[in-house]
Every structure is written in structure tokens, then in C-alpha cells.
Amino acid sequence: AVSELLMMFASRSSHVNEVIEPMLRAGTWVLSDRFVDASYAYQGAGRQVSDEVISQLETLTCRNLKPDVTFLLDLPIAQMLERMRARSAGPDRIEVESQAFFTQVRDAYMQRAEGDPRRFVVLDATRSIAEVRQDILSVMQERFDV
């Protein structure tokens, strides 16, 4: 679990230094799939690594860089597992985890969203892609006038 966490943060550190920060300095929008919240959910809640350890790595590698908005696509665990199984590619090493693991991960995400409601926008991912996309665009237009 700790090795997995360290690899995630090593990759994240490089991505922040080489991609995200230069783009932000240039005034470019940055869209990222998963960021530090994922480590609190997967390695923290799922793998039982302490939030304190994750927080220290976040400070060290990302210097507490946080997204302006985080879209959390919420889906019941059973439906999420169904969607994962339906993909053509086989499951990765995290996707083979138990339903209990994913329940802990989802609960951690929801707790993070409750703790930072200004940043998190929780969207019902049981709806169509078009509906979710429209919600994302609406939030972006409202908050950032895009």
C-alpha cells in the first residue's frame, strides 16, 4: 500500500512540475482525471494508509496545489462494478478489489466532498453521458464564465 502510494505521488509530482504548473503560469486551463483526492480515497480509505502520511506527501510533491473545482461522478457501487466488467480491456489491479473496498473508497470521496462543498460538485453518474456533460458545462459557465 505504501509503495503504491509513493508511486502515485512520484508520478503526480512530475506531472505537477512538468505539465500543470507551467500550463497554469501560461494561463491555460488544466483538466485532470483524478488527483490527490484519489489517494485519500483509494490508498487512504481503501488501503488503510493514514491521512497524515498522504497529507505529508501532498505537501511535499504537490505543494498543496488544489483544483478550483472537482467533479465527483457518483455511482452506486454495484453499477460501477457492472460498468468496469463491461469494458473491453481487462480489469487493472485496483479494479479487481472487493465491493467492500469500493464502498470504503466511495465513502471517502463523499466525506471529502462534504468537507469541501465549494470545490466539489457531486454529479449523479447514473444519468446519460450527455446529461452529466451538460451539468459540468453549466458549472464551468457559472463559476468561470467559459
Foldseek 3Di string as FASTA:
>chain_A
DVVVLVVLLVVLLCCCVPPVVVCVVVVHDDDDDDDLLQCCQQCCQLVVDPPVVSVVSCCVRVVPDDDQADEAADDPLVVVLVVQVPDPDHDDPSNVDDSVSVVSSNVSSVVVCVVPVSRYDYDHNVDDPVVVVVVVVVVCCVPPVD
